[in-house]
Amino acid sequence: MDTPRTGIPDHLASRMSMAEQHAYLRERFSRRRLLRTGAAGAGGVAGAGLLSGAACDAPSPSASPAPTLVPSTAATRVDGSLVAPFGRHLAFGADPRTQMRISWQVPFAVRRPYVRVGLRPWELSRKIEAEVRPLHTPPLSEKLPSVDQLYLHAALDGLRPGTTYYYGAGHDGFDPADPRRFGTLGTFRTAPAKAERFVFTAFGDQGVSYDALANDQLILGQNPSFHLHAGDICYADSSGHGTDADTYDARVWDQFLAQTESVASRVPWMVTTGNHDMEAWYSPDGYGGQLARWSLPESGPDPRKAPGVYSFTYGNVGVVALDANDVSHEIPANRGCTGGRQTRWLDRTLGRLRGDDGIDFIVVFFHHCAFSTTSAHASDGGVRDAWVPLFDKHRVDLVVNGHNHIYERTDAIRHGAVGRRVSIGETTDPTRDGTVYVTAGGAGAKLYSFPVPDSYEGHEKELGQVDTYHWTKDREKAPEAVEWSRVRYTGFSFLAVEAEPGGRPALRVTALAESGERVDHFTVRRGR
């Protein structure tokens, strides 16, 4: 959706970088104002003056593992036995075979938080200390209160591959090993030592809604080994229009993580960054909030500044997460923020993965679309210019995007044109045909529309071309007539991808509607 501009006049926000938005908010909500509103516990407010240059290169609280803002709740403690952890979510470390990261929240400050883990629920013998990452949000609108949030993270290393573990989050007064707390335990399974069949799921643009919850429950039925979330995670910044009705409500994150817990507490929830996930209050690059809430693989070019950029390998699939805010023409608030480092890292990473004999397929996911035809955002020319040539060069097998709140799937594309038509149910070979791009933005946020009729399984409407547009560097819509839009579905949905190793490895890609109805499927097989 649109650029987050909470509390910033529209005529300013439209030309401000994230660093400038951060400085504006910090000046507006100065220490004096916080004292007047009773939020003096915030601490460390940045000085006045607008920052210039690329946001990711600006000094930032997010340069350290935890934001430096200290919440007022740090001085408020209650009996630990009365404080229950909530909002649990998992993520892989750099090696999914041996590393898992467990994250959660507590509503009040607690003493000595930790995670217990073991091979049986009654043998949680291993105890790992947790890191606390506090986050303070002042009342950015007269209608909103000050919000203090406490995020906790525990790093589990040295795990056994292909093994199911039980775990529980605790602190002084709340021991998950106590039989009375067994109902709070969760489980996870590490990646196998050798490639075997598995399923992963993916979508973007979720938010908090009935449809988002329904998609989560349907995902559980796929028994996925992990889930990819392609940005615009919870919409705490609801619209980003810069009007009086525009609000940033940090409490929406509490709702989102509670909504997602039934899945994310057992399925690693691998996120990347959308435009709505740039939250200007916390840091000049907009990612201070992300760093507080998530623990992701630290394998990218600069994990302390770009948490949504990383890679990992699971079985025979290499997965790469990117931050498209860095290259977007449509929404330039963070454009160029890595100074090209992310794109150079992408080239190296794709080359490394493609050169690994144990990896059959490469899947890349990020937010803004390289190829889409919706009436809302369509395609981002910045993504096309920066990354599509690298996807061609390294013969990437599948690209997953969000941003457009629909399901759309292309033919195989090479050098910006159709390399091979891939109808529903057909098979494509990326070594010969090109890369298939999927927009899976129907996770739960309000749906968009197409300029032409839907066309999906059982309801095909073949068109020779679609009249659409892509965003230019000058933020203009350049018209184009395209032939690559093969499947279009206006509805809530997600991807389920089955990876099959062996002599003839395959990626079997299926799109499922919120009802469970299949709306698309195709297969990727690489030539040998």
Protein backbone atom coordinates (compact mmCIF):
# COMPACT_ATOMS: atom_id res chain seq x y z
CA MET A 1 0.00 0.00 0.00
CA ASP A 2 1.11 3.61 0.43
CA THR A 3 4.16 5.02 2.15
CA PRO A 4 3.88 5.12 5.97
CA ARG A 5 3.56 8.80 6.90
CA THR A 6 2.00 8.75 10.34
CA GLY A 7 1.86 12.21 11.88
CA ILE A 8 3.61 13.87 8.94
CA PRO A 9 1.85 16.36 6.64
CA ASP A 10 1.21 14.86 3.25
CA HIS A 11 3.08 17.56 1.32
CA LEU A 12 6.21 16.74 3.35
CA ALA A 13 5.91 12.99 3.54
CA SER A 14 5.64 12.60 -0.23
CA ARG A 15 9.24 13.81 -0.60
CA MET A 16 10.81 12.64 2.67
CA SER A 17 13.16 9.72 3.02
CA MET A 18 12.69 7.38 6.00
CA ALA A 19 15.56 9.14 7.77
CA GLU A 20 13.85 12.51 7.32
CA GLN A 21 10.51 11.12 8.54
CA HIS A 22 12.26 9.72 11.61
CA ALA A 23 13.91 13.06 12.40
CA TYR A 24 10.63 14.94 11.89
CA LEU A 25 8.76 12.68 14.31
CA ARG A 26 11.52 12.83 16.90
CA GLU A 27 11.53 16.62 16.75
CA ARG A 28 7.74 16.80 16.97
CA PHE A 29 7.54 14.38 19.89
CA SER A 30 10.47 15.84 21.78
CA ARG A 31 11.37 15.07 25.38
CA ARG A 32 9.47 18.17 26.48
CA ARG A 33 6.30 16.93 24.79
CA LEU A 34 6.73 13.47 26.25
CA LEU A 35 7.04 14.95 29.73
CA ARG A 36 3.86 16.94 29.21
CA THR A 37 1.97 13.81 28.16
CA GLY A 38 3.36 11.68 30.98
CA ALA A 39 5.69 9.60 28.80
CA ALA A 40 8.98 10.75 30.28
CA GLY A 41 10.24 7.18 30.48
CA ALA A 42 10.92 7.13 26.75
CA GLY A 43 14.58 8.18 26.96
CA GLY A 44 17.07 9.14 24.24
CA VAL A 45 15.15 11.42 21.88
CA ALA A 46 16.97 12.44 18.71
CA GLY A 47 17.79 16.10 18.13
CA ALA A 48 16.12 18.42 15.67
CA GLY A 49 17.03 18.80 12.02
CA LEU A 50 16.26 16.64 9.03
CA LEU A 51 18.73 13.94 8.11
CA SER A 52 19.82 13.67 4.51
CA GLY A 53 21.22 10.86 2.39
CA ALA A 54 20.35 7.17 2.29
CA ALA A 55 18.37 6.12 5.35
CA CYS A 56 20.22 2.85 5.92
CA ASP A 57 23.52 4.73 6.13
CA ALA A 58 22.26 7.15 8.80
CA PRO A 59 23.10 6.62 12.49
CA SER A 60 20.35 4.44 13.87
CA PRO A 61 19.27 2.82 17.13
CA SER A 62 18.69 -0.28 15.00
CA ALA A 63 22.45 -0.61 14.49
CA SER A 64 22.48 -2.55 17.78
CA PRO A 65 20.54 -5.78 18.41
CA ALA A 66 17.99 -3.99 20.60
CA PRO A 67 16.53 -0.49 20.21
CA THR A 68 17.86 1.84 22.89
CA LEU A 69 14.48 3.24 23.93
CA VAL A 70 13.66 2.08 27.48
CA PRO A 71 9.96 1.49 28.20
CA SER A 72 8.31 2.83 31.30
CA THR A 73 7.11 -0.70 32.12
CA ALA A 74 10.72 -1.63 32.88
CA ALA A 75 10.08 -0.24 36.37
CA THR A 76 6.73 -2.02 36.72
CA ARG A 77 6.88 -5.60 37.91
CA VAL A 78 4.14 -7.94 39.01
CA ASP A 79 4.18 -11.43 40.47
CA GLY A 80 5.85 -13.54 37.75
CA SER A 81 3.35 -16.37 38.28
CA LEU A 82 0.62 -14.07 36.99
CA VAL A 83 2.44 -13.06 33.77
CA ALA A 84 1.89 -15.40 30.82
CA PRO A 85 4.05 -15.29 27.66
CA PHE A 86 2.12 -14.69 24.43
CA GLY A 87 2.68 -14.07 20.73
CA ARG A 88 5.21 -16.87 20.29
CA HIS A 89 6.84 -17.07 16.86
CA LEU A 90 9.69 -19.16 15.51
CA ALA A 91 12.38 -18.47 12.93
CA PHE A 92 15.35 -20.41 11.65
CA GLY A 93 18.89 -19.39 12.38
CA ALA A 94 21.42 -19.38 9.54
CA ASP A 95 21.41 -23.22 9.55
CA PRO A 96 17.85 -24.64 9.84
CA ARG A 97 19.29 -28.09 10.62
CA THR A 98 20.83 -26.99 13.93
CA GLN A 99 19.46 -23.52 14.81
CA MET A 100 16.09 -22.15 15.86
CA ARG A 101 15.10 -18.74 17.23
CA ILE A 102 12.15 -18.47 19.63
CA SER A 103 10.48 -15.10 20.20
CA TRP A 104 7.55 -14.00 22.36
CA GLN A 105 6.09 -11.11 24.39
CA VAL A 106 5.23 -10.42 28.00
CA PRO A 107 2.81 -7.68 29.12
CA PHE A 108 4.98 -6.66 32.11
CA ALA A 109 8.66 -6.73 32.95
CA VAL A 110 9.75 -10.12 34.31
CA ARG A 111 12.90 -11.43 35.96
CA ARG A 112 15.32 -13.79 34.22
CA PRO A 113 13.27 -14.81 31.14
CA TYR A 114 14.32 -18.04 29.43
CA VAL A 115 13.31 -20.92 27.20
CA ARG A 116 13.31 -24.56 28.23
CA VAL A 117 13.76 -27.14 25.48
CA GLY A 118 13.93 -30.93 25.30
CA LEU A 119 13.02 -34.04 23.34
CA ARG A 120 9.99 -34.79 25.54
CA PRO A 121 7.50 -32.46 27.22
CA TRP A 122 8.41 -33.85 30.64
CA GLU A 123 12.17 -33.57 30.02
CA LEU A 124 12.83 -29.89 29.29
CA SER A 125 16.32 -30.10 30.71
CA ARG A 126 18.05 -27.47 28.56
CA LYS A 127 17.55 -23.86 29.68
CA ILE A 128 18.51 -20.88 27.49
CA GLU A 129 18.54 -17.30 28.74
CA ALA A 130 16.42 -14.86 26.71
CA GLU A 131 17.30 -11.41 25.42
CA VAL A 132 14.82 -8.59 26.14
CA ARG A 133 14.23 -6.00 23.41
CA PRO A 134 11.97 -3.21 24.74
CA LEU A 135 10.07 -0.92 22.41
CA HIS A 136 8.41 2.36 23.39
CA THR A 137 5.89 4.21 21.22
CA PRO A 138 4.65 7.66 22.32
CA PRO A 139 1.07 8.82 21.62
CA LEU A 140 1.66 9.69 17.95
CA SER A 141 -1.96 10.78 17.71
CA GLU A 142 -4.29 12.42 20.23
CA LYS A 143 -6.51 9.35 19.91
CA LEU A 144 -3.75 6.89 20.85
CA PRO A 145 -2.06 6.08 24.18
CA SER A 146 1.62 5.60 24.85
CA VAL A 147 2.54 1.95 24.27
CA ASP A 148 5.34 -0.09 25.85
CA GLN A 149 6.11 -3.54 24.46
CA LEU A 150 8.58 -6.15 25.65
CA TYR A 151 9.86 -8.65 23.08
CA LEU A 152 11.95 -11.61 24.19
CA HIS A 153 14.23 -13.78 22.08
CA ALA A 154 16.17 -16.98 22.71
CA ALA A 155 18.75 -18.46 20.32
CA LEU A 156 18.86 -22.27 20.21
CA ASP A 157 22.04 -23.66 18.62
CA GLY A 158 23.59 -27.12 18.45
CA LEU A 159 20.28 -28.87 17.74
CA ARG A 160 19.98 -32.25 16.03
CA PRO A 161 18.89 -32.28 12.38
CA GLY A 162 15.49 -33.77 11.56
CA THR A 163 14.40 -33.80 15.20
CA THR A 164 11.20 -32.69 16.94
CA TYR A 165 11.74 -30.58 20.05
CA TYR A 166 9.40 -29.39 22.78
CA TYR A 167 9.88 -25.94 24.24
CA GLY A 168 8.36 -23.51 26.69
CA ALA A 169 8.90 -19.81 27.41
CA GLY A 170 9.28 -18.88 31.06
CA HIS A 171 10.66 -16.53 33.71
CA ASP A 172 10.92 -16.36 37.48
CA GLY A 173 7.55 -17.50 38.82
CA PHE A 174 6.43 -19.08 35.52
CA ASP A 175 8.22 -22.36 34.79
CA PRO A 176 6.96 -24.15 31.66
CA ALA A 177 8.40 -27.42 33.04
CA ASP A 178 5.79 -27.31 35.82
CA PRO A 179 3.10 -29.89 34.87
CA ARG A 180 0.49 -27.19 35.45
CA ARG A 181 2.07 -25.23 32.55
CA PHE A 182 2.20 -28.10 30.01
CA GLY A 183 -0.59 -26.44 28.05
CA THR A 184 1.82 -23.59 27.22
CA LEU A 185 4.39 -25.81 25.51
CA GLY A 186 5.13 -25.68 21.79
CA THR A 187 7.01 -27.89 19.34
CA PHE A 188 9.23 -27.45 16.32
CA ARG A 189 11.20 -29.69 13.98
CA THR A 190 14.66 -28.94 12.63
CA ALA A 191 15.53 -29.36 8.96
CA PRO A 192 16.69 -32.84 7.90
CA ALA A 193 20.36 -33.66 7.44
CA LYS A 194 19.66 -34.94 3.92
CA ALA A 195 17.12 -33.74 1.38
CA GLU A 196 13.65 -35.23 1.67
CA ARG A 197 10.17 -34.30 0.53
CA PHE A 198 8.69 -31.29 2.34
CA VAL A 199 6.11 -28.52 1.95
CA PHE A 200 6.42 -24.81 2.59
CA THR A 201 3.77 -22.10 2.35
CA ALA A 202 3.90 -18.42 1.40
CA PHE A 203 1.88 -15.21 1.19
CA GLY A 204 2.13 -11.46 1.77
CA ASP A 205 -0.04 -8.57 3.03
CA GLN A 206 -1.78 -10.21 5.96
CA GLY A 207 -2.91 -7.80 8.67
CA VAL A 208 -5.43 -8.64 11.37
CA SER A 209 -8.77 -9.91 10.10
CA TYR A 210 -11.07 -12.91 9.93
CA ASP A 211 -9.64 -13.76 6.52
CA ALA A 212 -6.07 -13.57 7.82
CA LEU A 213 -6.95 -15.96 10.64
CA ALA A 214 -8.75 -18.31 8.24
CA ASN A 215 -5.68 -18.46 5.99
CA ASP A 216 -3.50 -19.24 9.01
CA GLN A 217 -5.66 -22.20 9.97
CA LEU A 218 -5.69 -23.52 6.42
CA ILE A 219 -1.90 -23.28 6.33
CA LEU A 220 -1.70 -25.53 9.39
CA GLY A 221 -3.47 -28.20 7.36
CA GLN A 222 -0.58 -28.25 4.88
CA ASN A 223 1.85 -29.25 7.66
CA PRO A 224 4.52 -26.89 6.28
CA SER A 225 8.16 -27.03 7.31
CA PHE A 226 8.27 -23.22 7.21
CA HIS A 227 6.25 -20.25 6.00
CA LEU A 228 7.39 -17.24 3.94
CA HIS A 229 5.72 -13.88 4.66
CA ALA A 230 6.50 -11.45 1.82
CA GLY A 231 6.04 -8.20 3.76
CA ASP A 232 3.29 -5.82 4.90
CA ILE A 233 2.93 -7.93 7.98
CA CYS A 234 0.37 -6.41 10.34
CA TYR A 235 -0.54 -2.87 9.16
CA ALA A 236 -0.02 -1.08 12.45
CA ASP A 237 0.30 1.83 10.02
CA SER A 238 -3.20 1.38 8.64
CA SER A 239 -3.15 3.50 5.50
CA GLY A 240 -0.18 5.86 5.31
CA HIS A 241 -2.06 8.68 3.58
CA GLY A 242 -0.79 11.43 5.87
CA THR A 243 -4.31 12.63 6.74
CA ASP A 244 -6.01 13.23 10.09
CA ALA A 245 -7.53 9.75 9.84
CA ASP A 246 -4.13 8.12 9.38
CA THR A 247 -2.88 6.42 12.54
CA TYR A 248 0.02 4.27 13.67
CA ASP A 249 -1.17 1.99 16.45
CA ALA A 250 1.62 -0.18 17.87
CA ARG A 251 -0.96 -2.33 19.68
CA VAL A 252 -1.93 -3.89 16.35
CA TRP A 253 1.34 -5.82 16.58
CA ASP A 254 0.04 -7.45 19.79
CA GLN A 255 -3.14 -8.45 17.96
CA PHE A 256 -1.21 -9.76 14.98
CA LEU A 257 1.23 -11.89 16.96
CA ALA A 258 -1.61 -13.30 19.07
CA GLN A 259 -3.54 -14.11 15.87
CA THR A 260 -0.54 -15.80 14.27
CA GLU A 261 0.65 -17.72 17.33
CA SER A 262 -1.32 -20.89 16.58
CA VAL A 263 0.82 -21.35 13.45
CA ALA A 264 4.01 -19.38 14.09
CA SER A 265 4.62 -21.10 17.45
CA ARG A 266 5.25 -24.36 15.59
CA VAL A 267 6.07 -23.30 11.99
CA PRO A 268 9.11 -21.01 11.44
CA TRP A 269 7.59 -17.71 10.26
CA MET A 270 10.17 -16.22 7.91
CA VAL A 271 9.32 -12.59 7.17
CA THR A 272 10.72 -9.88 4.97
CA THR A 273 10.01 -6.16 4.85
CA GLY A 274 7.17 -4.42 3.04
CA ASN A 275 6.55 -0.70 2.70
CA HIS A 276 4.06 -0.77 5.62
CA ASP A 277 6.78 -2.32 7.79
CA MET A 278 8.94 0.83 7.58
CA GLU A 279 8.01 2.56 10.86
CA ALA A 280 9.67 5.95 11.00
CA TRP A 281 9.43 6.60 14.74
CA TYR A 282 11.87 3.90 15.87
CA SER A 283 14.94 4.53 13.68
CA PRO A 284 16.07 6.54 10.64
CA ASP A 285 15.89 3.49 8.39
CA GLY A 286 12.42 2.54 9.68
CA TYR A 287 13.53 -0.92 10.79
CA GLY A 288 14.04 -0.43 14.55
CA GLY A 289 10.64 -1.97 15.22
CA GLN A 290 11.41 -4.95 13.00
CA LEU A 291 14.66 -5.58 14.87
CA ALA A 292 12.82 -5.58 18.19
CA ARG A 293 10.10 -8.01 17.11
CA TRP A 294 11.91 -10.57 14.95
CA SER A 295 15.03 -12.74 15.14
CA LEU A 296 15.96 -13.74 11.60
CA PRO A 297 19.03 -15.42 10.05
CA GLU A 298 21.99 -13.05 10.21
CA SER A 299 23.26 -14.04 6.78
CA GLY A 300 22.53 -10.88 4.79
CA PRO A 301 24.87 -8.00 3.90
CA ASP A 302 24.04 -6.07 7.10
CA PRO A 303 21.59 -7.91 9.41
CA ARG A 304 21.71 -5.17 12.06
CA LYS A 305 20.34 -2.63 9.56
CA ALA A 306 18.43 -4.75 7.03
CA PRO A 307 16.74 -7.54 9.01
CA GLY A 308 14.60 -8.64 6.05
CA VAL A 309 17.60 -9.62 3.88
CA TYR A 310 18.95 -13.13 4.43
CA SER A 311 19.20 -16.63 2.97
CA PHE A 312 18.88 -20.17 4.22
CA THR A 313 18.84 -23.70 2.81
CA TYR A 314 16.23 -26.30 3.65
CA GLY A 315 16.69 -29.71 2.03
CA ASN A 316 17.21 -29.19 -1.70
CA VAL A 317 15.84 -25.62 -1.76
CA GLY A 318 17.78 -22.40 -1.27
CA VAL A 319 15.62 -19.48 -0.07
CA VAL A 320 16.57 -15.80 -0.42
CA ALA A 321 14.71 -12.93 1.31
CA LEU A 322 15.10 -9.37 -0.03
CA ASP A 323 14.08 -5.85 1.02
CA ALA A 324 12.51 -4.27 -2.08
CA ASN A 325 12.17 -0.89 -0.33
CA ASP A 326 15.84 -0.49 -1.27
CA VAL A 327 15.12 -0.52 -5.03
CA SER A 328 11.48 0.56 -5.34
CA HIS A 329 10.55 3.25 -7.85
CA GLU A 330 6.96 3.46 -6.63
CA ILE A 331 7.72 4.11 -2.94
CA PRO A 332 11.15 5.75 -2.70
CA ALA A 333 11.34 6.45 1.07
CA ASN A 334 14.20 3.94 1.48
CA ARG A 335 15.38 3.74 -2.12
CA GLY A 336 19.14 3.25 -2.31
CA CYS A 337 19.40 2.73 1.43
CA THR A 338 22.06 0.01 1.15
CA GLY A 339 24.13 1.83 -1.45
CA GLY A 340 23.97 -1.20 -3.74
CA ARG A 341 25.25 -3.64 -1.09
CA GLN A 342 22.07 -5.70 -1.12
CA THR A 343 22.14 -6.20 -4.90
CA ARG A 344 25.82 -7.18 -4.87
CA TRP A 345 25.11 -9.61 -2.03
CA LEU A 346 22.19 -11.04 -4.02
CA ASP A 347 24.43 -11.72 -7.02
CA ARG A 348 26.99 -13.50 -4.84
CA THR A 349 24.37 -15.46 -2.92
CA LEU A 350 22.53 -16.68 -6.02
CA GLY A 351 25.87 -17.73 -7.53
CA ARG A 352 26.78 -19.64 -4.37
CA LEU A 353 23.43 -21.40 -4.20
CA ARG A 354 23.45 -22.29 -7.89
CA GLY A 355 26.93 -23.73 -7.51
CA ASP A 356 25.87 -26.04 -4.65
CA ASP A 357 25.26 -29.57 -5.97
CA GLY A 358 22.88 -30.27 -3.09
CA ILE A 359 20.50 -27.47 -4.07
CA ASP A 360 18.04 -28.17 -6.87
CA PHE A 361 15.87 -25.05 -6.60
CA ILE A 362 16.22 -21.38 -5.67
CA VAL A 363 13.19 -19.48 -4.34
CA VAL A 364 13.38 -15.71 -3.85
CA PHE A 365 10.73 -13.73 -1.98
CA PHE A 366 10.23 -10.00 -1.36
CA HIS A 367 7.41 -7.45 -1.28
CA HIS A 368 7.11 -5.20 -4.35
CA CYS A 369 6.19 -6.93 -7.60
CA ALA A 370 8.42 -7.23 -10.63
CA PHE A 371 5.45 -8.41 -12.72
CA SER A 372 1.81 -7.73 -11.84
CA THR A 373 -1.18 -6.15 -13.57
CA THR A 374 -3.46 -4.95 -10.77
CA SER A 375 -5.10 -1.55 -10.88
CA ALA A 376 -3.49 -0.65 -7.52
CA HIS A 377 0.30 -1.07 -7.73
CA ALA A 378 1.02 -3.14 -10.86
CA SER A 379 4.79 -3.63 -11.47
CA ASP A 380 7.76 -1.85 -9.91
CA GLY A 381 10.33 -0.85 -12.51
CA GLY A 382 12.98 -0.50 -9.81
CA VAL A 383 12.74 -4.20 -8.98
CA ARG A 384 12.90 -5.05 -12.68
CA ASP A 385 15.97 -2.90 -13.26
CA ALA A 386 17.94 -4.07 -10.21
CA TRP A 387 17.10 -7.73 -9.76
CA VAL A 388 15.36 -9.36 -12.73
CA PRO A 389 18.66 -9.53 -14.71
CA LEU A 390 20.19 -11.43 -11.77
CA PHE A 391 17.23 -13.82 -11.65
CA ASP A 392 17.80 -14.47 -15.36
CA LYS A 393 21.56 -14.84 -14.91
CA HIS A 394 21.26 -17.43 -12.13
CA ARG A 395 18.13 -19.17 -13.49
CA VAL A 396 16.04 -18.59 -10.37
CA ASP A 397 13.17 -21.09 -10.23
CA LEU A 398 10.42 -19.19 -8.39
CA VAL A 399 9.90 -15.60 -7.23
CA VAL A 400 7.17 -14.84 -4.65
CA ASN A 401 5.87 -11.29 -4.04
CA GLY A 402 3.09 -9.51 -2.14
CA HIS A 403 2.13 -5.81 -2.34
CA ASN A 404 -0.80 -6.39 -4.71
CA HIS A 405 -3.64 -7.91 -2.68
CA ILE A 406 -4.64 -10.66 -5.09
CA TYR A 407 -3.21 -13.84 -6.60
CA GLU A 408 -1.48 -13.53 -9.96
CA ARG A 409 0.94 -15.87 -11.70
CA THR A 410 3.03 -15.24 -14.79
CA ASP A 411 4.24 -17.46 -17.56
CA ALA A 412 7.95 -18.28 -17.48
CA ILE A 413 9.70 -14.94 -18.12
CA ARG A 414 13.16 -14.38 -19.51
CA HIS A 415 14.60 -10.94 -20.33
CA GLY A 416 11.24 -9.35 -19.54
CA ALA A 417 9.28 -11.37 -22.11
CA VAL A 418 7.46 -14.70 -22.17
CA GLY A 419 10.00 -17.51 -22.45
CA ARG A 420 7.32 -20.16 -22.37
CA ARG A 421 3.58 -20.13 -21.82
CA VAL A 422 2.77 -22.05 -18.64
CA SER A 423 -0.92 -22.88 -18.48
CA ILE A 424 -2.57 -24.24 -15.34
CA GLY A 425 -1.27 -27.73 -14.59
CA GLU A 426 1.73 -27.51 -16.90
CA THR A 427 5.45 -27.96 -16.24
CA THR A 428 8.25 -25.46 -16.87
CA ASP A 429 12.05 -25.75 -16.94
CA PRO A 430 13.84 -22.59 -15.73
CA THR A 431 17.09 -23.58 -17.43
CA ARG A 432 15.32 -23.20 -20.77
CA ASP A 433 12.11 -21.21 -20.23
CA GLY A 434 12.80 -18.56 -17.57
CA THR A 435 11.46 -17.73 -14.12
CA VAL A 436 7.84 -17.89 -12.92
CA TYR A 437 6.72 -14.92 -10.77
CA VAL A 438 3.86 -15.33 -8.29
CA THR A 439 2.07 -12.50 -6.51
CA ALA A 440 0.55 -14.06 -3.39
CA GLY A 441 -0.79 -10.91 -1.75
CA GLY A 442 -4.18 -12.25 -0.68
CA ALA A 443 -3.24 -13.14 2.90
CA GLY A 444 -5.97 -11.10 4.61
CA ALA A 445 -5.69 -7.37 3.86
CA LYS A 446 -8.40 -5.65 1.79
CA LEU A 447 -8.42 -7.04 -1.75
CA TYR A 448 -7.50 -5.16 -4.93
CA SER A 449 -8.80 -5.59 -8.47
CA PHE A 450 -7.55 -6.28 -12.01
CA PRO A 451 -8.28 -4.21 -15.11
CA VAL A 452 -9.39 -7.44 -16.83
CA PRO A 453 -11.44 -10.49 -15.75
CA ASP A 454 -10.08 -13.11 -13.37
CA SER A 455 -8.76 -16.30 -14.93
CA TYR A 456 -8.08 -19.28 -12.67
CA GLU A 457 -8.58 -23.04 -12.49
CA GLY A 458 -12.05 -23.94 -13.73
CA HIS A 459 -12.73 -20.32 -14.69
CA GLU A 460 -10.16 -19.66 -17.43
CA LYS A 461 -10.60 -16.56 -19.56
CA GLU A 462 -7.77 -16.44 -22.06
CA LEU A 463 -6.52 -13.01 -23.16
CA GLY A 464 -3.92 -12.12 -25.74
CA GLN A 465 -2.64 -9.25 -23.62
CA VAL A 466 -3.38 -7.08 -20.60
CA ASP A 467 -3.05 -3.30 -20.67
CA THR A 468 -1.25 -2.30 -17.48
CA TYR A 469 1.72 -0.19 -16.32
CA HIS A 470 4.98 -0.16 -14.38
CA TRP A 471 6.45 2.49 -12.10
CA THR A 472 9.38 4.54 -13.37
CA LYS A 473 12.18 6.18 -11.40
CA ASP A 474 10.27 9.46 -11.61
CA ARG A 475 7.27 7.79 -9.90
CA GLU A 476 5.28 7.85 -13.11
CA LYS A 477 3.09 5.07 -14.46
CA ALA A 478 4.49 3.90 -17.78
CA PRO A 479 1.77 2.10 -19.80
CA GLU A 480 2.56 -1.34 -21.21
CA ALA A 481 0.69 -4.17 -22.91
CA VAL A 482 1.84 -7.53 -21.52
CA GLU A 483 1.32 -11.16 -22.50
CA TRP A 484 2.72 -12.83 -19.37
CA SER A 485 -0.31 -12.59 -17.01
CA ARG A 486 -1.45 -16.22 -17.03
CA VAL A 487 -3.54 -16.68 -13.85
CA ARG A 488 -5.52 -14.01 -11.95
CA TYR A 489 -7.68 -14.55 -8.87
CA THR A 490 -9.36 -11.82 -6.80
CA GLY A 491 -9.67 -13.55 -3.44
CA PHE A 492 -7.88 -14.46 -0.23
CA SER A 493 -5.34 -17.18 -0.88
CA PHE A 494 -1.84 -18.52 -0.26
CA LEU A 495 0.82 -20.72 -1.86
CA ALA A 496 1.68 -24.29 -0.88
CA VAL A 497 4.88 -25.57 -2.48
CA GLU A 498 5.96 -29.22 -2.35
CA ALA A 499 9.69 -29.79 -2.86
CA GLU A 500 10.56 -33.23 -4.15
CA PRO A 501 14.23 -34.36 -4.27
CA GLY A 502 15.63 -37.38 -6.07
CA GLY A 503 16.51 -38.27 -9.63
CA ARG A 504 13.89 -35.95 -11.11
CA PRO A 505 13.50 -33.18 -8.53
CA ALA A 506 10.41 -30.99 -8.72
CA LEU A 507 8.71 -28.01 -7.16
CA ARG A 508 4.95 -28.55 -7.22
CA VAL A 509 3.33 -25.16 -6.70
CA THR A 510 -0.33 -24.86 -5.69
CA ALA A 511 -2.44 -21.79 -4.94
CA LEU A 512 -5.29 -22.38 -2.50
CA ALA A 513 -8.20 -20.04 -1.83
CA GLU A 514 -9.37 -19.29 1.70
CA SER A 515 -12.11 -21.88 1.12
CA GLY A 516 -9.52 -24.57 0.36
CA GLU A 517 -10.41 -24.54 -3.34
CA ARG A 518 -7.43 -24.89 -5.69
CA VAL A 519 -7.13 -21.90 -8.02
CA ASP A 520 -3.81 -22.70 -9.72
CA HIS A 521 -1.09 -25.32 -9.89
CA PHE A 522 2.04 -25.89 -11.95
CA THR A 523 5.34 -27.75 -11.68
CA VAL A 524 8.95 -26.61 -11.94
CA ARG A 525 11.50 -29.20 -13.13
CA ARG A 526 15.06 -28.33 -14.03
CA GLY A 527 16.74 -29.86 -17.08
CA ARG A 528 19.66 -32.15 -16.45
